[in-house]
C-alpha cells in the first residue's frame, strides 16, 4: 500500500480530498473526508467503490475514462461508513506523487444545495398551482357576474324605451351607464386572468 505524507493545506481543506491509485484504492483521505464520511477505521485501503459505487461502476481504470476523469464536477451519491448516503459533487483528475501516477478526487457536500433546489422547485410548483386556482376562480366569478349585469342592462334598456318622464329617463340612463361600466370592468378582469393563465389569443 502506498504511503503518502499529507501537507497542512490538504488536511485543512474544507472539501473532501481523496487520493487513489490507478486501481481505485484510496491511499489518502484528508480530515474533512474522514469526518464527513465517518469511517471509524479510516479510508486508507478502501476501494473508491465503497464510497462512490457509481464512479467505480463507470470505470476509473477502464480504457475510456473520459466520462469520469475530466476535471469537471459530476453528481455522485457518497456512502458513509454507516451506509447512509448523501448527494455530492465530485471532480476527479489525473495526477502523480513521488511514488507514481494517481487520481485526485475532490468532493463537495451537495446535500444541502440539493435539498434547497427541491424546496425551490416545490415552492414554484405550489405557486403555479395557487396561480392556476386563482385564475380559474377569477374566470368563473367574472362569468357569474356578467350574467346578472347583462340581465339588468337588458331590462333597464327595455324600461327606457317605455318611459317618457325625463327625470326617470335620466335615472335609467345612469343605471344603464353603470351596467356598461361594470361590463367593461368584468371584461378587463377576465382578460387579465387569461393573460396570467397564458390563454390569450391575439387577433389582428
N, C-alpha and C. Protein backbone atom coordinates (compact mmCIF):
# COMPACT_ATOMS: atom_id res chain seq x y z
N UNK A 1 0.84 -1.19 0.00
CA UNK A 1 0.00 0.00 0.00
C UNK A 1 0.88 1.25 0.00
N UNK A 2 0.50 2.22 -0.78
CA UNK A 2 1.30 3.43 -0.93
C UNK A 2 1.21 4.30 0.31
N UNK A 3 2.33 4.87 0.73
CA UNK A 3 2.37 5.78 1.87
C UNK A 3 2.41 7.21 1.34
N UNK A 4 1.61 8.06 1.95
CA UNK A 4 1.57 9.46 1.50
C UNK A 4 1.56 10.37 2.71
N UNK A 5 2.47 11.32 2.73
CA UNK A 5 2.52 12.30 3.81
C UNK A 5 1.83 13.57 3.35
N UNK A 6 0.70 13.88 3.99
CA UNK A 6 -0.14 14.99 3.55
C UNK A 6 0.43 16.33 4.00
N UNK A 7 0.20 17.34 3.20
CA UNK A 7 0.57 18.70 3.56
C UNK A 7 -0.52 19.32 4.42
N UNK A 8 -0.20 20.33 5.23
CA UNK A 8 -1.22 21.01 6.05
C UNK A 8 -2.36 21.60 5.21
N UNK A 9 -2.07 21.98 3.97
CA UNK A 9 -3.11 22.56 3.11
C UNK A 9 -4.19 21.52 2.82
N UNK A 10 -3.78 20.29 2.50
CA UNK A 10 -4.74 19.23 2.23
C UNK A 10 -5.55 18.91 3.48
N UNK A 11 -4.88 18.86 4.62
CA UNK A 11 -5.54 18.49 5.87
C UNK A 11 -6.56 19.54 6.31
N UNK A 12 -6.30 20.80 6.01
CA UNK A 12 -7.19 21.87 6.46
C UNK A 12 -8.22 22.26 5.40
N UNK A 13 -8.21 21.59 4.25
CA UNK A 13 -9.16 21.92 3.18
C UNK A 13 -10.60 21.67 3.63
N UNK A 14 -11.52 22.55 3.24
CA UNK A 14 -12.92 22.42 3.62
C UNK A 14 -13.64 21.35 2.80
N UNK A 15 -13.13 21.05 1.61
CA UNK A 15 -13.74 19.99 0.80
C UNK A 15 -13.02 18.67 1.08
N UNK A 16 -13.72 17.59 0.80
CA UNK A 16 -13.12 16.26 0.97
C UNK A 16 -12.13 16.00 -0.15
N UNK A 17 -10.97 15.48 0.19
CA UNK A 17 -9.94 15.16 -0.80
C UNK A 17 -9.49 13.72 -0.58
N UNK A 18 -9.58 12.94 -1.64
CA UNK A 18 -9.14 11.55 -1.62
C UNK A 18 -8.08 11.35 -2.69
N UNK A 19 -7.03 10.59 -2.36
CA UNK A 19 -6.03 10.21 -3.35
C UNK A 19 -6.18 8.72 -3.61
N UNK A 20 -6.21 8.35 -4.91
CA UNK A 20 -6.44 6.96 -5.30
C UNK A 20 -5.30 6.47 -6.17
N UNK A 21 -5.00 5.18 -6.05
CA UNK A 21 -4.05 4.61 -7.00
C UNK A 21 -4.81 4.28 -8.28
N UNK A 22 -4.11 3.74 -9.27
CA UNK A 22 -4.72 3.51 -10.58
C UNK A 22 -5.79 2.43 -10.55
N UNK A 23 -5.84 1.64 -9.49
CA UNK A 23 -6.88 0.62 -9.35
C UNK A 23 -8.09 1.14 -8.58
N UNK A 24 -8.04 2.40 -8.17
CA UNK A 24 -9.16 2.99 -7.46
C UNK A 24 -9.14 2.74 -5.97
N UNK A 25 -7.99 2.37 -5.41
CA UNK A 25 -7.87 2.17 -3.97
C UNK A 25 -7.41 3.47 -3.30
N UNK A 26 -8.07 3.84 -2.23
CA UNK A 26 -7.76 5.08 -1.52
C UNK A 26 -6.48 4.90 -0.70
N UNK A 27 -5.50 5.79 -0.90
CA UNK A 27 -4.30 5.73 -0.06
C UNK A 27 -4.13 7.01 0.78
N UNK A 28 -5.07 7.96 0.61
CA UNK A 28 -5.07 9.13 1.48
C UNK A 28 -6.47 9.74 1.51
N UNK A 29 -6.90 10.16 2.70
CA UNK A 29 -8.15 10.90 2.87
C UNK A 29 -7.89 12.02 3.87
N UNK A 30 -8.25 13.23 3.54
CA UNK A 30 -7.98 14.34 4.46
C UNK A 30 -8.97 14.33 5.63
N UNK A 31 -8.78 15.23 6.57
CA UNK A 31 -9.56 15.25 7.80
C UNK A 31 -11.05 15.45 7.50
N UNK A 32 -11.35 16.35 6.56
CA UNK A 32 -12.75 16.62 6.21
C UNK A 32 -13.44 15.36 5.69
N UNK A 33 -12.75 14.59 4.84
CA UNK A 33 -13.32 13.36 4.30
C UNK A 33 -13.60 12.35 5.41
N UNK A 34 -12.65 12.20 6.33
CA UNK A 34 -12.83 11.24 7.43
C UNK A 34 -14.00 11.64 8.32
N UNK A 35 -14.16 12.94 8.57
CA UNK A 35 -15.25 13.41 9.42
C UNK A 35 -16.60 13.25 8.73
N UNK A 36 -16.68 13.62 7.47
CA UNK A 36 -17.97 13.60 6.77
C UNK A 36 -18.39 12.20 6.35
N UNK A 37 -17.42 11.36 6.02
CA UNK A 37 -17.75 10.00 5.59
C UNK A 37 -17.83 9.03 6.76
N UNK A 38 -17.30 9.42 7.91
CA UNK A 38 -17.49 8.68 9.16
C UNK A 38 -17.05 7.21 9.07
N UNK A 39 -15.82 7.02 8.59
CA UNK A 39 -15.25 5.67 8.59
C UNK A 39 -14.36 5.54 9.83
N UNK A 40 -14.83 4.73 10.79
CA UNK A 40 -14.15 4.63 12.09
C UNK A 40 -12.74 4.07 11.96
N UNK A 41 -12.53 3.13 11.02
CA UNK A 41 -11.21 2.53 10.83
C UNK A 41 -10.41 3.24 9.75
N UNK A 42 -10.88 4.41 9.29
CA UNK A 42 -10.19 5.15 8.25
C UNK A 42 -10.57 4.68 6.86
N UNK A 43 -10.13 5.43 5.88
CA UNK A 43 -10.47 5.13 4.48
C UNK A 43 -9.31 4.53 3.70
N UNK A 44 -8.12 4.60 4.24
CA UNK A 44 -6.96 4.07 3.53
C UNK A 44 -7.12 2.56 3.32
N UNK A 45 -6.94 2.14 2.08
CA UNK A 45 -7.10 0.74 1.73
C UNK A 45 -8.48 0.39 1.20
N UNK A 46 -9.45 1.32 1.38
CA UNK A 46 -10.80 1.08 0.86
C UNK A 46 -10.85 1.39 -0.64
N UNK A 47 -11.72 0.68 -1.35
CA UNK A 47 -11.93 0.96 -2.76
C UNK A 47 -12.83 2.19 -2.89
N UNK A 48 -12.62 2.96 -3.95
CA UNK A 48 -13.48 4.10 -4.20
C UNK A 48 -14.93 3.67 -4.39
N UNK A 49 -15.11 2.41 -4.80
CA UNK A 49 -16.46 1.87 -4.99
C UNK A 49 -17.21 1.79 -3.67
N UNK A 50 -16.49 1.70 -2.55
CA UNK A 50 -17.14 1.66 -1.24
C UNK A 50 -17.82 2.98 -0.94
N UNK A 51 -17.18 4.06 -1.34
CA UNK A 51 -17.71 5.41 -1.07
C UNK A 51 -18.59 5.89 -2.22
N UNK A 52 -18.13 5.67 -3.45
CA UNK A 52 -18.86 6.13 -4.64
C UNK A 52 -19.06 4.96 -5.61
N UNK A 53 -20.07 4.13 -5.40
CA UNK A 53 -20.29 2.98 -6.28
C UNK A 53 -20.43 3.37 -7.74
N UNK A 54 -21.06 4.52 -8.02
CA UNK A 54 -21.30 4.90 -9.41
C UNK A 54 -20.00 5.22 -10.14
N UNK A 55 -19.02 5.78 -9.44
CA UNK A 55 -17.74 6.12 -10.08
C UNK A 55 -16.99 4.85 -10.47
N UNK A 56 -16.94 3.89 -9.56
CA UNK A 56 -16.24 2.65 -9.87
C UNK A 56 -16.97 1.88 -10.96
N UNK A 57 -18.30 1.95 -10.91
CA UNK A 57 -19.11 1.24 -11.90
C UNK A 57 -18.83 1.78 -13.30
N UNK A 58 -18.69 3.10 -13.41
CA UNK A 58 -18.38 3.70 -14.72
C UNK A 58 -16.95 3.41 -15.14
N UNK A 59 -16.09 3.10 -14.16
CA UNK A 59 -14.76 2.62 -14.51
C UNK A 59 -13.65 3.63 -14.49
N UNK A 60 -12.99 3.77 -13.33
CA UNK A 60 -11.82 4.65 -13.27
C UNK A 60 -10.65 4.07 -14.05
N UNK A 61 -10.53 2.75 -14.03
CA UNK A 61 -9.40 2.12 -14.72
C UNK A 61 -9.83 1.49 -16.05
N UNK A 62 -10.98 1.92 -16.57
CA UNK A 62 -11.42 1.43 -17.88
C UNK A 62 -10.61 2.11 -18.98
N UNK A 63 -10.55 1.52 -20.17
CA UNK A 63 -9.80 2.14 -21.27
C UNK A 63 -10.27 3.57 -21.57
N UNK A 64 -11.60 3.76 -21.52
CA UNK A 64 -12.14 5.10 -21.78
C UNK A 64 -12.62 5.69 -20.45
N UNK A 65 -11.82 6.57 -19.87
CA UNK A 65 -12.15 7.17 -18.59
C UNK A 65 -12.70 8.59 -18.78
N UNK A 66 -13.01 8.95 -20.00
CA UNK A 66 -13.32 10.34 -20.31
C UNK A 66 -14.55 10.85 -19.55
N UNK A 67 -15.49 9.96 -19.23
CA UNK A 67 -16.70 10.40 -18.55
C UNK A 67 -16.44 10.70 -17.08
N UNK A 68 -15.39 10.14 -16.51
CA UNK A 68 -15.10 10.32 -15.08
C UNK A 68 -13.94 11.26 -14.87
N UNK A 69 -12.81 10.96 -15.49
CA UNK A 69 -11.59 11.76 -15.27
C UNK A 69 -11.55 12.90 -16.28
N UNK A 70 -12.34 13.92 -16.03
CA UNK A 70 -12.43 15.05 -16.95
C UNK A 70 -11.99 16.34 -16.30
N UNK A 71 -11.89 16.35 -14.97
CA UNK A 71 -11.61 17.60 -14.26
C UNK A 71 -12.86 18.44 -14.08
N UNK A 72 -14.02 17.90 -14.52
CA UNK A 72 -15.28 18.60 -14.34
C UNK A 72 -16.08 17.92 -13.23
N UNK A 73 -16.92 18.70 -12.57
CA UNK A 73 -17.71 18.14 -11.48
C UNK A 73 -18.85 17.29 -12.01
N UNK A 74 -19.07 16.15 -11.35
CA UNK A 74 -20.19 15.29 -11.67
C UNK A 74 -20.95 14.99 -10.38
N UNK A 75 -22.25 14.69 -10.51
CA UNK A 75 -23.04 14.33 -9.34
C UNK A 75 -22.80 12.87 -9.00
N UNK A 76 -22.61 12.58 -7.72
CA UNK A 76 -22.44 11.20 -7.28
C UNK A 76 -22.91 11.07 -5.84
N UNK A 77 -23.56 9.94 -5.54
CA UNK A 77 -24.02 9.68 -4.19
C UNK A 77 -22.87 9.10 -3.37
N UNK A 78 -22.58 9.72 -2.22
CA UNK A 78 -21.50 9.25 -1.35
C UNK A 78 -22.10 8.43 -0.20
N UNK A 79 -21.47 7.30 0.11
CA UNK A 79 -21.95 6.43 1.18
C UNK A 79 -21.02 6.53 2.38
N UNK A 80 -21.60 6.83 3.55
CA UNK A 80 -20.83 6.91 4.78
C UNK A 80 -20.50 5.51 5.29
N UNK A 81 -19.71 5.49 6.38
CA UNK A 81 -19.34 4.21 6.98
C UNK A 81 -20.53 3.45 7.51
N UNK A 82 -21.61 4.17 7.92
CA UNK A 82 -22.81 3.50 8.43
C UNK A 82 -23.82 3.20 7.31
N UNK A 83 -23.39 3.38 6.07
CA UNK A 83 -24.14 3.09 4.83
C UNK A 83 -25.29 4.05 4.58
N UNK A 84 -25.36 5.16 5.31
CA UNK A 84 -26.26 6.24 4.90
C UNK A 84 -25.57 7.01 3.78
N UNK A 85 -26.34 7.71 2.99
CA UNK A 85 -25.73 8.38 1.83
C UNK A 85 -26.18 9.83 1.73
N UNK A 86 -25.44 10.60 0.95
CA UNK A 86 -25.78 12.00 0.70
C UNK A 86 -25.24 12.40 -0.67
N UNK A 87 -25.86 13.44 -1.24
CA UNK A 87 -25.52 13.90 -2.59
C UNK A 87 -24.24 14.73 -2.57
N UNK A 88 -23.35 14.48 -3.51
CA UNK A 88 -22.10 15.23 -3.60
C UNK A 88 -21.81 15.63 -5.04
N UNK A 89 -20.88 16.57 -5.18
CA UNK A 89 -20.31 16.92 -6.47
C UNK A 89 -18.85 16.46 -6.43
N UNK A 90 -18.46 15.64 -7.41
CA UNK A 90 -17.13 15.02 -7.40
C UNK A 90 -16.35 15.45 -8.63
N UNK A 91 -15.08 15.75 -8.42
CA UNK A 91 -14.19 16.07 -9.54
C UNK A 91 -12.96 15.17 -9.43
N UNK A 92 -12.67 14.43 -10.49
CA UNK A 92 -11.53 13.51 -10.49
C UNK A 92 -10.54 13.96 -11.56
N UNK A 93 -9.28 14.10 -11.17
CA UNK A 93 -8.24 14.46 -12.14
C UNK A 93 -7.07 13.50 -12.00
N UNK A 94 -6.34 13.33 -13.07
CA UNK A 94 -5.14 12.51 -13.04
C UNK A 94 -3.97 13.36 -12.55
N UNK A 95 -3.15 12.78 -11.69
CA UNK A 95 -2.00 13.49 -11.14
C UNK A 95 -0.91 12.48 -10.84
N UNK A 96 0.04 12.88 -10.02
CA UNK A 96 1.11 11.96 -9.65
C UNK A 96 1.73 12.40 -8.33
N UNK A 97 2.28 11.44 -7.61
CA UNK A 97 3.04 11.72 -6.40
C UNK A 97 4.47 11.23 -6.63
N UNK A 98 5.28 11.32 -5.61
CA UNK A 98 6.67 10.82 -5.74
C UNK A 98 6.69 9.32 -6.01
N UNK A 99 5.63 8.63 -5.56
CA UNK A 99 5.58 7.18 -5.76
C UNK A 99 5.00 6.78 -7.11
N UNK A 100 4.44 7.73 -7.86
CA UNK A 100 3.91 7.39 -9.17
C UNK A 100 2.58 8.06 -9.46
N UNK A 101 1.95 7.72 -10.60
CA UNK A 101 0.68 8.34 -11.00
C UNK A 101 -0.46 7.97 -10.05
N UNK A 102 -1.45 8.85 -9.99
CA UNK A 102 -2.61 8.61 -9.12
C UNK A 102 -3.78 9.45 -9.60
N UNK A 103 -4.88 9.32 -8.91
CA UNK A 103 -6.05 10.16 -9.15
C UNK A 103 -6.28 11.01 -7.91
N UNK A 104 -6.65 12.27 -8.13
CA UNK A 104 -7.07 13.13 -7.03
C UNK A 104 -8.59 13.32 -7.15
N UNK A 105 -9.28 13.04 -6.07
CA UNK A 105 -10.73 13.11 -6.06
C UNK A 105 -11.16 14.23 -5.10
N UNK A 106 -11.74 15.30 -5.67
CA UNK A 106 -12.24 16.42 -4.87
C UNK A 106 -13.75 16.23 -4.70
N UNK A 107 -14.23 16.34 -3.48
CA UNK A 107 -15.64 16.06 -3.19
C UNK A 107 -16.25 17.21 -2.40
N UNK A 108 -17.39 17.71 -2.87
CA UNK A 108 -18.13 18.75 -2.16
C UNK A 108 -19.48 18.19 -1.73
N UNK A 109 -19.85 18.44 -0.48
CA UNK A 109 -21.17 18.03 0.02
C UNK A 109 -22.24 18.87 -0.68
N UNK A 110 -23.10 18.20 -1.43
CA UNK A 110 -24.12 18.91 -2.22
C UNK A 110 -25.52 18.67 -1.66
N UNK A 111 -25.60 17.99 -0.51
CA UNK A 111 -26.90 17.58 0.01
C UNK A 111 -27.78 18.78 0.37
N UNK A 112 -27.17 19.80 1.02
CA UNK A 112 -27.96 20.97 1.41
C UNK A 112 -28.43 21.74 0.19
N UNK A 113 -27.54 21.91 -0.79
CA UNK A 113 -27.91 22.60 -2.02
C UNK A 113 -29.00 21.84 -2.76
N UNK A 114 -28.86 20.50 -2.79
CA UNK A 114 -29.85 19.66 -3.46
C UNK A 114 -31.20 19.79 -2.77
N UNK A 115 -31.18 19.83 -1.42
CA UNK A 115 -32.42 19.99 -0.67
C UNK A 115 -33.07 21.33 -0.94
N UNK A 116 -32.24 22.39 -1.00
CA UNK A 116 -32.76 23.73 -1.28
C UNK A 116 -33.36 23.80 -2.68
N UNK A 117 -32.71 23.15 -3.65
CA UNK A 117 -33.23 23.14 -5.02
C UNK A 117 -34.59 22.44 -5.07
N UNK A 118 -34.72 21.35 -4.30
CA UNK A 118 -36.00 20.63 -4.27
C UNK A 118 -37.08 21.49 -3.63
N UNK A 119 -36.69 22.23 -2.56
CA UNK A 119 -37.65 23.11 -1.90
C UNK A 119 -38.08 24.24 -2.82
N UNK A 120 -37.11 24.79 -3.57
CA UNK A 120 -37.43 25.87 -4.52
C UNK A 120 -38.37 25.35 -5.60
N UNK A 121 -38.08 24.14 -6.10
CA UNK A 121 -38.93 23.55 -7.13
C UNK A 121 -40.34 23.29 -6.59
N UNK A 122 -40.41 22.78 -5.35
CA UNK A 122 -41.71 22.52 -4.73
C UNK A 122 -42.48 23.82 -4.53
N UNK A 123 -41.77 24.87 -4.05
CA UNK A 123 -42.41 26.17 -3.84
C UNK A 123 -42.92 26.75 -5.16
N UNK A 124 -42.10 26.57 -6.23
CA UNK A 124 -42.50 27.07 -7.54
C UNK A 124 -43.77 26.35 -8.02
N UNK A 125 -43.80 25.02 -7.82
CA UNK A 125 -44.97 24.26 -8.23
C UNK A 125 -46.21 24.67 -7.45
N UNK A 126 -46.03 24.89 -6.12
CA UNK A 126 -47.15 25.31 -5.30
C UNK A 126 -47.66 26.69 -5.73
N UNK A 127 -46.70 27.59 -6.07
CA UNK A 127 -47.09 28.93 -6.53
C UNK A 127 -47.84 28.86 -7.86
N UNK A 128 -47.38 27.98 -8.75
CA UNK A 128 -48.06 27.81 -10.04
C UNK A 128 -49.47 27.25 -9.85
N UNK A 129 -49.60 26.29 -8.91
CA UNK A 129 -50.91 25.72 -8.63
C UNK A 129 -51.84 26.78 -8.04
N UNK A 130 -51.29 27.58 -7.11
CA UNK A 130 -52.09 28.64 -6.49
C UNK A 130 -52.54 29.66 -7.54
N UNK A 131 -51.62 30.00 -8.46
CA UNK A 131 -51.96 30.95 -9.53
C UNK A 131 -53.03 30.38 -10.44
N UNK A 132 -52.92 29.08 -10.71
CA UNK A 132 -53.92 28.42 -11.56
C UNK A 132 -55.29 28.43 -10.90
N UNK A 133 -55.32 28.12 -9.59
CA UNK A 133 -56.58 28.12 -8.86
C UNK A 133 -57.17 29.52 -8.84
N UNK A 134 -56.30 30.54 -8.59
CA UNK A 134 -56.77 31.92 -8.56
C UNK A 134 -57.33 32.35 -9.90
N UNK A 135 -56.62 31.98 -10.98
CA UNK A 135 -57.07 32.35 -12.33
C UNK A 135 -58.41 31.71 -12.66
N UNK A 136 -58.56 30.42 -12.26
CA UNK A 136 -59.82 29.73 -12.51
C UNK A 136 -60.96 30.38 -11.71
N UNK A 137 -60.64 30.76 -10.45
CA UNK A 137 -61.66 31.42 -9.62
C UNK A 137 -62.09 32.74 -10.23
N UNK A 138 -61.10 33.56 -10.65
CA UNK A 138 -61.41 34.87 -11.25
C UNK A 138 -62.22 34.68 -12.53
N UNK A 139 -61.83 33.70 -13.34
CA UNK A 139 -62.54 33.44 -14.58
C UNK A 139 -63.99 33.04 -14.31
N UNK A 140 -64.17 32.15 -13.32
CA UNK A 140 -65.53 31.69 -13.00
C UNK A 140 -66.39 32.81 -12.43
N UNK A 141 -65.79 33.60 -11.52
CA UNK A 141 -66.56 34.65 -10.87
C UNK A 141 -66.94 35.76 -11.84
N UNK A 142 -66.06 36.06 -12.79
CA UNK A 142 -66.39 37.10 -13.78
C UNK A 142 -67.52 36.64 -14.70
N UNK A 143 -67.47 35.34 -15.06
CA UNK A 143 -68.58 34.81 -15.87
C UNK A 143 -69.90 34.85 -15.09
N UNK A 144 -69.83 34.55 -13.80
CA UNK A 144 -71.03 34.58 -12.96
C UNK A 144 -71.56 36.01 -12.81
N UNK A 145 -70.64 36.99 -12.76
CA UNK A 145 -71.06 38.38 -12.61
C UNK A 145 -71.67 38.94 -13.90
N UNK A 146 -71.17 38.47 -15.04
CA UNK A 146 -71.65 39.01 -16.31
C UNK A 146 -73.13 38.71 -16.52
N UNK A 147 -73.59 37.56 -16.06
CA UNK A 147 -74.98 37.16 -16.30
C UNK A 147 -75.98 38.12 -15.65
N UNK A 148 -75.87 38.39 -14.33
CA UNK A 148 -76.85 39.33 -13.77
C UNK A 148 -76.69 40.76 -14.29
N UNK A 149 -75.45 41.19 -14.55
CA UNK A 149 -75.25 42.55 -15.07
C UNK A 149 -75.90 42.69 -16.45
N UNK A 150 -75.72 41.68 -17.29
CA UNK A 150 -76.35 41.72 -18.62
C UNK A 150 -77.87 41.69 -18.50
N UNK A 151 -78.36 40.94 -17.49
CA UNK A 151 -79.81 40.89 -17.27
C UNK A 151 -80.36 42.26 -16.87
N UNK A 152 -79.66 42.92 -15.94
CA UNK A 152 -80.07 44.27 -15.51
C UNK A 152 -80.02 45.24 -16.68
N UNK A 153 -78.92 45.16 -17.47
CA UNK A 153 -78.75 46.08 -18.59
C UNK A 153 -79.85 45.90 -19.63
N UNK A 154 -80.20 44.66 -19.93
CA UNK A 154 -81.26 44.41 -20.92
C UNK A 154 -82.60 44.93 -20.45
N UNK A 155 -82.91 44.70 -19.17
CA UNK A 155 -84.20 45.15 -18.65
C UNK A 155 -84.28 46.66 -18.52
N UNK A 156 -83.15 47.29 -18.14
CA UNK A 156 -83.17 48.75 -17.97
C UNK A 156 -83.30 49.45 -19.33
N UNK A 157 -82.72 48.85 -20.38
CA UNK A 157 -82.88 49.43 -21.72
C UNK A 157 -84.33 49.30 -22.20
N UNK A 158 -84.92 48.15 -21.90
CA UNK A 158 -86.32 47.95 -22.29
C UNK A 158 -87.23 48.93 -21.53
N UNK A 159 -86.90 49.15 -20.25
CA UNK A 159 -87.67 50.11 -19.46
C UNK A 159 -87.51 51.53 -20.00
N UNK A 160 -86.30 51.86 -20.47
CA UNK A 160 -86.05 53.19 -21.02
C UNK A 160 -86.85 53.45 -22.27
N UNK A 161 -87.10 52.41 -23.05
CA UNK A 161 -87.90 52.58 -24.28
C UNK A 161 -89.37 52.84 -23.97
N UNK A 162 -89.82 52.42 -22.76
CA UNK A 162 -91.24 52.58 -22.40
C UNK A 162 -91.50 53.83 -21.56
N UNK A 163 -90.46 54.46 -21.06
CA UNK A 163 -90.61 55.59 -20.15
C UNK A 163 -90.51 56.92 -20.90
N UNK A 164 -91.39 57.86 -20.52
CA UNK A 164 -91.38 59.18 -21.15
C UNK A 164 -91.00 60.29 -20.17
N UNK A 165 -91.07 59.99 -18.89
CA UNK A 165 -90.75 61.00 -17.88
C UNK A 165 -89.24 61.30 -17.92
N UNK A 166 -88.88 62.59 -18.06
CA UNK A 166 -87.46 62.99 -18.23
C UNK A 166 -86.63 62.63 -17.01
N UNK A 167 -87.14 62.86 -15.80
CA UNK A 167 -86.37 62.57 -14.58
C UNK A 167 -86.12 61.07 -14.45
N UNK A 168 -87.13 60.28 -14.73
CA UNK A 168 -86.98 58.83 -14.64
C UNK A 168 -86.02 58.31 -15.72
N UNK A 169 -86.12 58.91 -16.92
CA UNK A 169 -85.21 58.52 -18.00
C UNK A 169 -83.76 58.81 -17.63
N UNK A 170 -83.53 59.95 -16.93
CA UNK A 170 -82.17 60.30 -16.52
C UNK A 170 -81.62 59.24 -15.56
N UNK A 171 -82.45 58.81 -14.63
CA UNK A 171 -82.03 57.76 -13.68
C UNK A 171 -81.78 56.44 -14.41
N UNK A 172 -82.65 56.14 -15.37
CA UNK A 172 -82.49 54.89 -16.15
C UNK A 172 -81.17 54.90 -16.91
N UNK A 173 -80.83 56.07 -17.51
CA UNK A 173 -79.58 56.18 -18.26
C UNK A 173 -78.37 56.03 -17.33
N UNK A 174 -78.48 56.56 -16.08
CA UNK A 174 -77.39 56.38 -15.12
C UNK A 174 -77.17 54.90 -14.78
N UNK A 175 -78.27 54.19 -14.58
CA UNK A 175 -78.18 52.75 -14.29
C UNK A 175 -77.59 52.01 -15.50
N UNK A 176 -78.05 52.41 -16.70
CA UNK A 176 -77.55 51.77 -17.93
C UNK A 176 -76.05 52.00 -18.08
N UNK A 177 -75.60 53.26 -17.80
CA UNK A 177 -74.18 53.56 -17.91
C UNK A 177 -73.37 52.78 -16.86
N UNK A 178 -73.93 52.68 -15.65
CA UNK A 178 -73.25 51.91 -14.60
C UNK A 178 -73.10 50.44 -14.99
N UNK A 179 -74.14 49.87 -15.60
CA UNK A 179 -74.07 48.47 -16.06
C UNK A 179 -73.02 48.30 -17.15
N UNK A 180 -72.96 49.28 -18.06
CA UNK A 180 -71.98 49.22 -19.15
C UNK A 180 -70.56 49.29 -18.59
N UNK A 181 -70.36 50.20 -17.59
CA UNK A 181 -69.04 50.31 -16.96
C UNK A 181 -68.67 49.00 -16.25
N UNK A 182 -69.65 48.41 -15.55
CA UNK A 182 -69.40 47.15 -14.85
C UNK A 182 -69.05 46.04 -15.84
N UNK A 183 -69.70 46.03 -16.99
CA UNK A 183 -69.41 45.03 -18.02
C UNK A 183 -67.97 45.18 -18.52
N UNK A 184 -67.53 46.44 -18.70
CA UNK A 184 -66.16 46.68 -19.14
C UNK A 184 -65.14 46.23 -18.09
N UNK A 185 -65.43 46.51 -16.81
CA UNK A 185 -64.54 46.10 -15.72
C UNK A 185 -64.43 44.57 -15.67
N UNK A 186 -65.57 43.91 -15.78
CA UNK A 186 -65.57 42.43 -15.76
C UNK A 186 -64.77 41.88 -16.93
N UNK A 187 -64.93 42.52 -18.10
CA UNK A 187 -64.17 42.08 -19.28
C UNK A 187 -62.67 42.25 -19.08
N UNK A 188 -62.26 43.37 -18.45
CA UNK A 188 -60.83 43.61 -18.19
C UNK A 188 -60.26 42.58 -17.20
N UNK A 189 -61.04 42.29 -16.15
CA UNK A 189 -60.59 41.29 -15.17
C UNK A 189 -60.46 39.92 -15.84
N UNK A 190 -61.40 39.59 -16.69
CA UNK A 190 -61.36 38.31 -17.40
C UNK A 190 -60.15 38.24 -18.33
N UNK A 191 -59.86 39.34 -19.02
CA UNK A 191 -58.69 39.38 -19.90
C UNK A 191 -57.40 39.22 -19.10
N UNK A 192 -57.36 39.85 -17.92
CA UNK A 192 -56.17 39.76 -17.07
C UNK A 192 -55.95 38.32 -16.59
N UNK A 193 -57.04 37.65 -16.22
CA UNK A 193 -56.92 36.25 -15.77
C UNK A 193 -56.47 35.36 -16.92
N UNK A 194 -56.90 35.69 -18.15
CA UNK A 194 -56.45 34.93 -19.32
C UNK A 194 -54.97 35.16 -19.58
N UNK A 195 -54.52 36.40 -19.38
CA UNK A 195 -53.09 36.70 -19.54
C UNK A 195 -52.25 35.89 -18.56
N UNK A 196 -52.68 35.84 -17.29
CA UNK A 196 -51.94 35.08 -16.28
C UNK A 196 -51.92 33.59 -16.61
N UNK A 197 -53.00 33.08 -17.16
CA UNK A 197 -53.11 31.66 -17.48
C UNK A 197 -52.47 31.32 -18.83
N UNK A 198 -52.04 32.35 -19.56
CA UNK A 198 -51.42 32.12 -20.87
C UNK A 198 -52.41 31.66 -21.92
N UNK A 199 -53.67 32.09 -21.78
CA UNK A 199 -54.71 31.65 -22.71
C UNK A 199 -55.19 32.76 -23.64
N UNK A 200 -54.42 33.84 -23.71
CA UNK A 200 -54.81 34.95 -24.58
C UNK A 200 -54.48 34.62 -26.03
N UNK A 201 -55.45 34.79 -26.91
CA UNK A 201 -55.24 34.58 -28.34
C UNK A 201 -55.28 35.95 -29.03
N UNK A 202 -54.15 36.33 -29.64
CA UNK A 202 -54.09 37.62 -30.31
C UNK A 202 -54.75 37.55 -31.67
N UNK A 203 -55.54 38.56 -31.98
CA UNK A 203 -56.23 38.61 -33.27
C UNK A 203 -55.87 39.94 -33.96
N UNK A 204 -55.65 39.90 -35.26
CA UNK A 204 -55.33 41.16 -35.97
C UNK A 204 -56.53 42.08 -36.01
